Amino acid sequence: MDVAHAVGVAVLRQLEPSVERLLERHLATARDWLPHQFVPWSAARDFDGPVDGAACGDRLGEHT
């Protein structure tokens, strides 16, 4: 085993407790999200989403 590999393994072992703790914190606090709440199902033409109150169809123009 070369020195670089040994150092890499040592660093990973030192990081493992922090990574585990942070992952557990994330999993405990993260909220589920459902893509269909953000992405319209009907070709974005009637979606009044996060575009300043304008339907997406108004902003898409002739690009679709």
N, C-alpha and C. Protein backbone atom coordinates (compact mmCIF):
# COMPACT_ATOMS: atom_id res chain seq x y z
N MET A 1 0.87 -1.18 0.00
CA MET A 1 0.00 0.00 0.00
C MET A 1 0.90 1.23 0.00
N ASP A 2 0.67 2.13 -0.94
CA ASP A 2 1.51 3.32 -1.01
C ASP A 2 1.04 4.37 0.02
N VAL A 3 1.87 5.37 0.23
CA VAL A 3 1.61 6.39 1.25
C VAL A 3 0.34 7.18 0.95
N ALA A 4 0.13 7.55 -0.30
CA ALA A 4 -1.05 8.34 -0.66
C ALA A 4 -2.33 7.58 -0.33
N HIS A 5 -2.35 6.31 -0.62
CA HIS A 5 -3.53 5.49 -0.32
C HIS A 5 -3.75 5.40 1.19
N ALA A 6 -2.68 5.20 1.93
CA ALA A 6 -2.79 5.11 3.39
C ALA A 6 -3.30 6.41 3.99
N VAL A 7 -2.83 7.53 3.48
CA VAL A 7 -3.29 8.83 3.96
C VAL A 7 -4.77 9.02 3.63
N GLY A 8 -5.16 8.64 2.42
CA GLY A 8 -6.56 8.75 2.02
C GLY A 8 -7.47 7.93 2.92
N VAL A 9 -7.05 6.72 3.24
CA VAL A 9 -7.84 5.86 4.12
C VAL A 9 -7.93 6.47 5.51
N ALA A 10 -6.84 7.02 6.01
CA ALA A 10 -6.83 7.65 7.33
C ALA A 10 -7.77 8.85 7.37
N VAL A 11 -7.78 9.65 6.32
CA VAL A 11 -8.66 10.83 6.26
C VAL A 11 -10.12 10.38 6.23
N LEU A 12 -10.42 9.37 5.45
CA LEU A 12 -11.79 8.87 5.39
C LEU A 12 -12.25 8.34 6.75
N ARG A 13 -11.38 7.67 7.45
CA ARG A 13 -11.74 7.16 8.78
C ARG A 13 -12.00 8.31 9.75
N GLN A 14 -11.24 9.38 9.62
CA GLN A 14 -11.46 10.54 10.50
C GLN A 14 -12.76 11.25 10.17
N LEU A 15 -13.12 11.28 8.90
CA LEU A 15 -14.34 11.97 8.47
C LEU A 15 -15.61 11.16 8.72
N GLU A 16 -15.48 9.86 8.82
CA GLU A 16 -16.67 9.01 8.91
C GLU A 16 -17.63 9.38 10.03
N PRO A 17 -17.20 9.63 11.26
CA PRO A 17 -18.18 10.00 12.31
C PRO A 17 -18.93 11.30 11.99
N SER A 18 -18.24 12.28 11.46
CA SER A 18 -18.89 13.55 11.11
C SER A 18 -19.88 13.36 9.98
N VAL A 19 -19.51 12.61 8.98
CA VAL A 19 -20.40 12.36 7.85
C VAL A 19 -21.64 11.60 8.32
N GLU A 20 -21.45 10.62 9.17
CA GLU A 20 -22.59 9.86 9.69
C GLU A 20 -23.53 10.77 10.49
N ARG A 21 -22.97 11.60 11.35
CA ARG A 21 -23.78 12.51 12.16
C ARG A 21 -24.54 13.49 11.29
N LEU A 22 -23.87 14.08 10.31
CA LEU A 22 -24.52 15.05 9.43
C LEU A 22 -25.58 14.40 8.54
N LEU A 23 -25.33 13.20 8.08
CA LEU A 23 -26.34 12.50 7.27
C LEU A 23 -27.57 12.20 8.11
N GLU A 24 -27.37 11.73 9.33
CA GLU A 24 -28.51 11.46 10.21
C GLU A 24 -29.29 12.73 10.50
N ARG A 25 -28.60 13.85 10.70
CA ARG A 25 -29.28 15.12 10.93
C ARG A 25 -30.10 15.52 9.71
N HIS A 26 -29.51 15.37 8.54
CA HIS A 26 -30.21 15.70 7.30
C HIS A 26 -31.46 14.84 7.14
N LEU A 27 -31.31 13.55 7.34
CA LEU A 27 -32.45 12.64 7.16
C LEU A 27 -33.55 12.93 8.17
N ALA A 28 -33.18 13.40 9.36
CA ALA A 28 -34.18 13.70 10.38
C ALA A 28 -34.92 15.00 10.11
N THR A 29 -34.26 15.95 9.44
CA THR A 29 -34.87 17.27 9.27
C THR A 29 -35.35 17.55 7.85
N ALA A 30 -34.92 16.79 6.89
CA ALA A 30 -35.30 17.05 5.50
C ALA A 30 -36.78 16.77 5.29
N ARG A 31 -37.41 17.63 4.52
CA ARG A 31 -38.82 17.43 4.19
C ARG A 31 -38.92 16.74 2.83
N ASP A 32 -39.86 15.83 2.74
CA ASP A 32 -40.10 15.18 1.45
C ASP A 32 -40.65 16.21 0.47
N TRP A 33 -40.32 16.06 -0.77
CA TRP A 33 -40.89 16.93 -1.79
C TRP A 33 -41.34 16.05 -2.94
N LEU A 34 -42.39 16.49 -3.56
CA LEU A 34 -42.98 15.75 -4.66
C LEU A 34 -42.83 16.57 -5.93
N PRO A 35 -42.14 16.05 -6.92
CA PRO A 35 -41.88 16.83 -8.13
C PRO A 35 -43.14 17.38 -8.77
N HIS A 36 -44.25 16.66 -8.69
CA HIS A 36 -45.45 17.15 -9.35
C HIS A 36 -46.00 18.41 -8.69
N GLN A 37 -45.51 18.75 -7.49
CA GLN A 37 -45.92 20.00 -6.88
C GLN A 37 -45.22 21.19 -7.52
N PHE A 38 -44.12 20.95 -8.19
CA PHE A 38 -43.34 22.01 -8.80
C PHE A 38 -43.38 21.99 -10.31
N VAL A 39 -43.57 20.82 -10.89
CA VAL A 39 -43.56 20.67 -12.34
C VAL A 39 -44.98 20.34 -12.79
N PRO A 40 -45.54 21.13 -13.68
CA PRO A 40 -46.91 20.89 -14.11
C PRO A 40 -47.01 19.64 -14.98
N TRP A 41 -48.15 19.02 -14.93
CA TRP A 41 -48.39 17.82 -15.72
C TRP A 41 -48.93 18.15 -17.11
N SER A 42 -49.38 19.36 -17.32
CA SER A 42 -50.06 19.67 -18.58
C SER A 42 -49.24 20.58 -19.49
N ALA A 43 -48.03 20.21 -19.77
CA ALA A 43 -47.16 20.93 -20.71
C ALA A 43 -46.88 22.36 -20.28
N ALA A 44 -47.05 22.67 -19.01
CA ALA A 44 -46.70 23.97 -18.43
C ALA A 44 -47.52 25.13 -18.96
N ARG A 45 -48.59 24.88 -19.63
CA ARG A 45 -49.36 25.97 -20.21
C ARG A 45 -50.34 26.59 -19.21
N ASP A 46 -50.76 25.84 -18.23
CA ASP A 46 -51.72 26.39 -17.28
C ASP A 46 -51.18 26.39 -15.85
N PHE A 47 -49.89 26.36 -15.71
CA PHE A 47 -49.26 26.30 -14.40
C PHE A 47 -48.95 27.69 -13.89
N ASP A 48 -49.60 28.07 -12.82
CA ASP A 48 -49.35 29.37 -12.20
C ASP A 48 -48.34 29.16 -11.08
N GLY A 49 -47.13 28.90 -11.45
CA GLY A 49 -46.10 28.56 -10.48
C GLY A 49 -45.25 29.74 -10.08
N PRO A 50 -44.02 29.50 -9.74
CA PRO A 50 -43.15 30.53 -9.19
C PRO A 50 -42.57 31.47 -10.25
N VAL A 51 -43.42 32.01 -11.11
CA VAL A 51 -42.95 32.95 -12.13
C VAL A 51 -43.72 34.27 -11.98
N ASP A 52 -43.72 34.79 -10.78
CA ASP A 52 -44.36 36.07 -10.47
C ASP A 52 -45.84 36.12 -10.83
N GLY A 53 -46.54 35.01 -10.62
CA GLY A 53 -47.97 34.99 -10.84
C GLY A 53 -48.41 34.80 -12.27
N ALA A 54 -47.48 34.78 -13.21
CA ALA A 54 -47.84 34.57 -14.61
C ALA A 54 -47.80 33.08 -14.92
N ALA A 55 -48.75 32.64 -15.68
CA ALA A 55 -48.74 31.24 -16.09
C ALA A 55 -47.51 30.97 -16.94
N CYS A 56 -46.97 29.77 -16.82
CA CYS A 56 -45.76 29.44 -17.57
C CYS A 56 -45.98 29.58 -19.07
N GLY A 57 -47.16 29.26 -19.54
CA GLY A 57 -47.44 29.36 -20.96
C GLY A 57 -47.23 30.76 -21.50
N ASP A 58 -47.49 31.77 -20.66
CA ASP A 58 -47.28 33.15 -21.09
C ASP A 58 -45.81 33.47 -21.28
N ARG A 59 -44.97 32.83 -20.52
CA ARG A 59 -43.54 33.14 -20.57
C ARG A 59 -42.79 32.25 -21.54
N LEU A 60 -43.38 31.13 -21.93
CA LEU A 60 -42.68 30.22 -22.83
C LEU A 60 -42.67 30.74 -24.27
N GLY A 61 -43.68 31.47 -24.62
CA GLY A 61 -43.73 32.01 -25.97
C GLY A 61 -43.78 30.93 -27.02
N GLU A 62 -43.01 31.10 -28.07
CA GLU A 62 -43.04 30.16 -29.18
C GLU A 62 -41.96 29.11 -29.10
N HIS A 63 -41.34 28.95 -27.94
CA HIS A 63 -40.26 27.98 -27.79
C HIS A 63 -40.76 26.56 -27.65
N THR A 64 -42.07 26.40 -27.52
CA THR A 64 -42.60 25.05 -27.35
C THR A 64 -43.28 24.57 -28.59
